[in-house]
Amino acid sequence: MILLGSFNSFIYFCSKITTYCECLRTYMDAKEIGIIIKERRKHLGVNQQTLADLAGVGLNTLVAIERGEGNPQLSTLLTVFDTLGLQMDIKLKTLDYETV
């Protein structure tokens, strides 16, 4: 993992993302994922070309991800997240069944 920025700024960023994700509840679409990636990149002071180079993805791919466009492979998203010091968690849905 490539760490960019200080630990304190990372903790601050994570608290903002957690708050943002809690507001979204259970579903995030491609645009929202793109916003998270773009905001983290900007927070770290990294331009798109540098992030693309560090993550080993094409610049056009990164631009499309940040715009919420295209259909990137999961491995590409995970690589970009890892480069930015982010992670993606997958959780089982909690289903609210009505009792009869």
N, C-alpha and C. Protein backbone atom coordinates (compact mmCIF):
# COMPACT_ATOMS: atom_id res chain seq x y z
N MET A 1 0.84 -1.17 0.00
CA MET A 1 0.00 0.00 0.00
C MET A 1 0.88 1.23 0.00
N ILE A 2 0.51 2.21 -0.80
CA ILE A 2 1.24 3.46 -0.84
C ILE A 2 0.49 4.45 0.04
N LEU A 3 1.14 4.97 1.06
CA LEU A 3 0.50 5.93 1.95
C LEU A 3 0.87 7.34 1.55
N LEU A 4 -0.11 8.17 1.41
CA LEU A 4 0.10 9.56 1.04
C LEU A 4 -0.51 10.43 2.12
N GLY A 5 0.20 11.44 2.60
CA GLY A 5 -0.34 12.35 3.59
C GLY A 5 -0.08 11.87 5.01
N SER A 6 -0.48 12.69 5.96
CA SER A 6 -0.24 12.36 7.36
C SER A 6 -1.35 11.48 7.91
N PHE A 7 -1.03 10.81 9.02
CA PHE A 7 -1.99 9.93 9.66
C PHE A 7 -3.20 10.72 10.17
N ASN A 8 -2.97 11.89 10.76
CA ASN A 8 -4.07 12.69 11.29
C ASN A 8 -5.02 13.14 10.19
N SER A 9 -4.47 13.54 9.05
CA SER A 9 -5.35 13.97 7.96
C SER A 9 -6.11 12.77 7.40
N PHE A 10 -5.50 11.60 7.44
CA PHE A 10 -6.17 10.39 6.99
C PHE A 10 -7.35 10.06 7.90
N ILE A 11 -7.14 10.17 9.23
CA ILE A 11 -8.21 9.90 10.19
C ILE A 11 -9.35 10.90 9.98
N TYR A 12 -9.01 12.17 9.79
CA TYR A 12 -10.03 13.19 9.54
C TYR A 12 -10.83 12.85 8.28
N PHE A 13 -10.12 12.47 7.22
CA PHE A 13 -10.78 12.13 5.96
C PHE A 13 -11.70 10.93 6.16
N CYS A 14 -11.23 9.91 6.88
CA CYS A 14 -12.05 8.71 7.11
C CYS A 14 -13.31 9.05 7.88
N SER A 15 -13.21 9.96 8.85
CA SER A 15 -14.41 10.33 9.61
C SER A 15 -15.41 11.03 8.69
N LYS A 16 -14.92 11.85 7.76
CA LYS A 16 -15.81 12.50 6.80
C LYS A 16 -16.47 11.47 5.88
N ILE A 17 -15.68 10.52 5.40
CA ILE A 17 -16.22 9.49 4.50
C ILE A 17 -17.22 8.62 5.25
N THR A 18 -16.91 8.25 6.50
CA THR A 18 -17.83 7.44 7.28
C THR A 18 -19.16 8.17 7.44
N THR A 19 -19.09 9.43 7.78
CA THR A 19 -20.31 10.23 7.92
C THR A 19 -21.06 10.26 6.59
N TYR A 20 -20.34 10.46 5.49
CA TYR A 20 -20.95 10.49 4.17
C TYR A 20 -21.61 9.16 3.85
N CYS A 21 -20.92 8.06 4.12
CA CYS A 21 -21.44 6.73 3.80
C CYS A 21 -22.63 6.37 4.68
N GLU A 22 -22.62 6.82 5.95
CA GLU A 22 -23.76 6.55 6.82
C GLU A 22 -25.01 7.22 6.29
N CYS A 23 -24.82 8.40 5.68
CA CYS A 23 -25.96 9.10 5.09
C CYS A 23 -26.52 8.33 3.91
N LEU A 24 -25.65 7.61 3.22
CA LEU A 24 -26.08 6.86 2.03
C LEU A 24 -26.75 5.55 2.43
N ARG A 25 -26.55 5.12 3.63
CA ARG A 25 -27.11 3.90 4.21
C ARG A 25 -26.54 2.65 3.55
N THR A 26 -27.26 2.08 2.61
CA THR A 26 -26.86 0.76 2.13
C THR A 26 -26.34 0.73 0.69
N TYR A 27 -26.48 1.81 -0.05
CA TYR A 27 -26.18 1.72 -1.47
C TYR A 27 -25.33 2.91 -1.92
N MET A 28 -24.30 2.61 -2.65
CA MET A 28 -23.48 3.66 -3.25
C MET A 28 -23.40 3.38 -4.74
N ASP A 29 -23.67 4.40 -5.54
CA ASP A 29 -23.56 4.19 -6.98
C ASP A 29 -22.19 4.66 -7.47
N ALA A 30 -21.97 4.52 -8.75
CA ALA A 30 -20.66 4.84 -9.35
C ALA A 30 -20.28 6.30 -9.15
N LYS A 31 -21.26 7.20 -9.23
CA LYS A 31 -20.97 8.63 -9.02
C LYS A 31 -20.45 8.88 -7.61
N GLU A 32 -21.07 8.28 -6.62
CA GLU A 32 -20.67 8.48 -5.23
C GLU A 32 -19.29 7.90 -4.95
N ILE A 33 -18.98 6.76 -5.55
CA ILE A 33 -17.64 6.20 -5.43
C ILE A 33 -16.62 7.13 -6.08
N GLY A 34 -16.97 7.66 -7.24
CA GLY A 34 -16.09 8.62 -7.92
C GLY A 34 -15.83 9.86 -7.08
N ILE A 35 -16.86 10.36 -6.40
CA ILE A 35 -16.72 11.53 -5.53
C ILE A 35 -15.73 11.23 -4.40
N ILE A 36 -15.85 10.06 -3.80
CA ILE A 36 -14.96 9.69 -2.70
C ILE A 36 -13.51 9.65 -3.19
N ILE A 37 -13.29 9.03 -4.34
CA ILE A 37 -11.93 8.93 -4.89
C ILE A 37 -11.38 10.32 -5.22
N LYS A 38 -12.19 11.14 -5.87
CA LYS A 38 -11.74 12.48 -6.25
C LYS A 38 -11.43 13.33 -5.02
N GLU A 39 -12.29 13.30 -4.01
CA GLU A 39 -12.07 14.10 -2.81
C GLU A 39 -10.83 13.63 -2.05
N ARG A 40 -10.60 12.34 -1.98
CA ARG A 40 -9.41 11.82 -1.30
C ARG A 40 -8.15 12.25 -2.06
N ARG A 41 -8.20 12.14 -3.38
CA ARG A 41 -7.05 12.55 -4.21
C ARG A 41 -6.73 14.02 -4.00
N LYS A 42 -7.75 14.86 -4.03
CA LYS A 42 -7.55 16.29 -3.84
C LYS A 42 -7.05 16.60 -2.43
N HIS A 43 -7.59 15.90 -1.44
CA HIS A 43 -7.16 16.09 -0.06
C HIS A 43 -5.66 15.80 0.10
N LEU A 44 -5.18 14.83 -0.64
CA LEU A 44 -3.77 14.46 -0.59
C LEU A 44 -2.90 15.34 -1.47
N GLY A 45 -3.52 16.19 -2.28
CA GLY A 45 -2.76 17.08 -3.15
C GLY A 45 -2.11 16.38 -4.32
N VAL A 46 -2.77 15.34 -4.82
CA VAL A 46 -2.24 14.55 -5.92
C VAL A 46 -3.08 14.83 -7.16
N ASN A 47 -2.43 15.06 -8.30
CA ASN A 47 -3.20 15.26 -9.53
C ASN A 47 -3.58 13.91 -10.14
N GLN A 48 -4.47 13.96 -11.11
CA GLN A 48 -4.97 12.72 -11.71
C GLN A 48 -3.87 11.90 -12.37
N GLN A 49 -2.97 12.55 -13.07
CA GLN A 49 -1.90 11.82 -13.76
C GLN A 49 -1.01 11.08 -12.76
N THR A 50 -0.68 11.74 -11.65
CA THR A 50 0.17 11.10 -10.63
C THR A 50 -0.53 9.90 -10.02
N LEU A 51 -1.82 10.07 -9.67
CA LEU A 51 -2.56 8.94 -9.10
C LEU A 51 -2.66 7.79 -10.09
N ALA A 52 -2.93 8.10 -11.34
CA ALA A 52 -3.02 7.06 -12.37
C ALA A 52 -1.69 6.31 -12.47
N ASP A 53 -0.58 7.04 -12.45
CA ASP A 53 0.74 6.41 -12.52
C ASP A 53 1.01 5.54 -11.30
N LEU A 54 0.71 6.06 -10.10
CA LEU A 54 0.95 5.31 -8.87
C LEU A 54 0.09 4.04 -8.80
N ALA A 55 -1.14 4.14 -9.30
CA ALA A 55 -2.05 3.00 -9.24
C ALA A 55 -1.87 2.05 -10.42
N GLY A 56 -1.13 2.49 -11.43
CA GLY A 56 -0.92 1.64 -12.60
C GLY A 56 -2.17 1.51 -13.47
N VAL A 57 -2.97 2.57 -13.51
CA VAL A 57 -4.15 2.58 -14.37
C VAL A 57 -4.01 3.73 -15.36
N GLY A 58 -4.76 3.67 -16.42
CA GLY A 58 -4.72 4.73 -17.42
C GLY A 58 -5.38 6.00 -16.92
N LEU A 59 -4.90 7.13 -17.39
CA LEU A 59 -5.47 8.41 -17.00
C LEU A 59 -6.94 8.49 -17.38
N ASN A 60 -7.28 8.05 -18.60
CA ASN A 60 -8.69 8.07 -19.03
C ASN A 60 -9.57 7.20 -18.14
N THR A 61 -9.02 6.08 -17.67
CA THR A 61 -9.76 5.21 -16.76
C THR A 61 -10.04 5.92 -15.45
N LEU A 62 -9.03 6.57 -14.89
CA LEU A 62 -9.19 7.28 -13.63
C LEU A 62 -10.19 8.43 -13.77
N VAL A 63 -10.10 9.19 -14.85
CA VAL A 63 -11.03 10.29 -15.09
C VAL A 63 -12.46 9.75 -15.16
N ALA A 64 -12.66 8.66 -15.87
CA ALA A 64 -14.00 8.06 -15.98
C ALA A 64 -14.52 7.60 -14.62
N ILE A 65 -13.65 7.00 -13.80
CA ILE A 65 -14.05 6.55 -12.47
C ILE A 65 -14.49 7.74 -11.62
N GLU A 66 -13.69 8.80 -11.64
CA GLU A 66 -14.02 9.98 -10.83
C GLU A 66 -15.33 10.63 -11.29
N ARG A 67 -15.68 10.49 -12.55
CA ARG A 67 -16.93 11.05 -13.07
C ARG A 67 -18.11 10.11 -12.87
N GLY A 68 -17.83 8.90 -12.41
CA GLY A 68 -18.90 7.92 -12.24
C GLY A 68 -19.35 7.32 -13.54
N GLU A 69 -18.45 7.33 -14.52
CA GLU A 69 -18.76 6.82 -15.84
C GLU A 69 -18.03 5.51 -16.09
N GLY A 70 -18.39 4.86 -17.16
CA GLY A 70 -17.71 3.62 -17.52
C GLY A 70 -18.11 2.48 -16.62
N ASN A 71 -17.39 1.40 -16.75
CA ASN A 71 -17.67 0.20 -15.97
C ASN A 71 -16.33 -0.44 -15.59
N PRO A 72 -15.60 0.17 -14.64
CA PRO A 72 -14.27 -0.35 -14.32
C PRO A 72 -14.34 -1.71 -13.64
N GLN A 73 -13.30 -2.48 -13.84
CA GLN A 73 -13.21 -3.76 -13.16
C GLN A 73 -13.05 -3.52 -11.67
N LEU A 74 -13.55 -4.45 -10.87
CA LEU A 74 -13.42 -4.34 -9.42
C LEU A 74 -11.95 -4.26 -9.02
N SER A 75 -11.09 -5.00 -9.69
CA SER A 75 -9.67 -4.98 -9.36
C SER A 75 -9.08 -3.58 -9.59
N THR A 76 -9.56 -2.87 -10.60
CA THR A 76 -9.09 -1.51 -10.86
C THR A 76 -9.51 -0.57 -9.73
N LEU A 77 -10.77 -0.66 -9.32
CA LEU A 77 -11.25 0.16 -8.20
C LEU A 77 -10.46 -0.13 -6.93
N LEU A 78 -10.24 -1.41 -6.65
CA LEU A 78 -9.51 -1.78 -5.44
C LEU A 78 -8.07 -1.27 -5.47
N THR A 79 -7.45 -1.27 -6.65
CA THR A 79 -6.09 -0.75 -6.78
C THR A 79 -6.06 0.75 -6.51
N VAL A 80 -7.01 1.49 -7.06
CA VAL A 80 -7.08 2.93 -6.83
C VAL A 80 -7.34 3.21 -5.35
N PHE A 81 -8.28 2.48 -4.75
CA PHE A 81 -8.56 2.63 -3.33
C PHE A 81 -7.31 2.37 -2.50
N ASP A 82 -6.62 1.30 -2.79
CA ASP A 82 -5.42 0.94 -2.03
C ASP A 82 -4.35 2.02 -2.15
N THR A 83 -4.17 2.55 -3.34
CA THR A 83 -3.19 3.60 -3.56
C THR A 83 -3.51 4.85 -2.74
N LEU A 84 -4.81 5.11 -2.57
CA LEU A 84 -5.24 6.28 -1.80
C LEU A 84 -5.36 6.00 -0.30
N GLY A 85 -5.08 4.76 0.10
CA GLY A 85 -5.19 4.41 1.51
C GLY A 85 -6.64 4.19 1.94
N LEU A 86 -7.48 3.82 0.99
CA LEU A 86 -8.89 3.55 1.27
C LEU A 86 -9.14 2.06 1.15
N GLN A 87 -10.26 1.62 1.69
CA GLN A 87 -10.65 0.23 1.51
C GLN A 87 -12.14 0.15 1.26
N MET A 88 -12.55 -0.93 0.63
CA MET A 88 -13.96 -1.16 0.35
C MET A 88 -14.39 -2.38 1.14
N ASP A 89 -15.46 -2.25 1.88
CA ASP A 89 -15.98 -3.37 2.66
C ASP A 89 -17.28 -3.85 2.05
N ILE A 90 -17.46 -5.15 2.05
CA ILE A 90 -18.70 -5.74 1.57
C ILE A 90 -19.37 -6.39 2.77
N LYS A 91 -20.61 -6.03 2.98
CA LYS A 91 -21.36 -6.55 4.12
C LYS A 91 -22.63 -7.21 3.64
N LEU A 92 -23.11 -8.17 4.42
CA LEU A 92 -24.39 -8.78 4.14
C LEU A 92 -25.49 -7.78 4.47
N LYS A 93 -26.50 -7.76 3.66
CA LYS A 93 -27.63 -6.89 3.91
C LYS A 93 -28.39 -7.38 5.14
N THR A 94 -28.90 -6.45 5.87
CA THR A 94 -29.82 -6.78 6.96
C THR A 94 -31.22 -6.64 6.40
N LEU A 95 -31.93 -7.74 6.38
CA LEU A 95 -33.27 -7.73 5.80
C LEU A 95 -34.30 -7.60 6.91
N ASP A 96 -35.21 -6.70 6.72
CA ASP A 96 -36.29 -6.51 7.69
C ASP A 96 -37.53 -7.24 7.18
N TYR A 97 -37.73 -8.44 7.71
CA TYR A 97 -38.92 -9.20 7.33
C TYR A 97 -40.04 -8.89 8.30
N GLU A 98 -41.24 -8.76 7.74
CA GLU A 98 -42.38 -8.55 8.60
C GLU A 98 -42.80 -9.88 9.19
N THR A 99 -43.10 -9.86 10.47
CA THR A 99 -43.58 -11.09 11.11
C THR A 99 -45.09 -11.13 11.01
N VAL A 100 -45.61 -12.29 10.76
CA VAL A 100 -47.05 -12.44 10.58
C VAL A 100 -47.66 -12.97 11.83
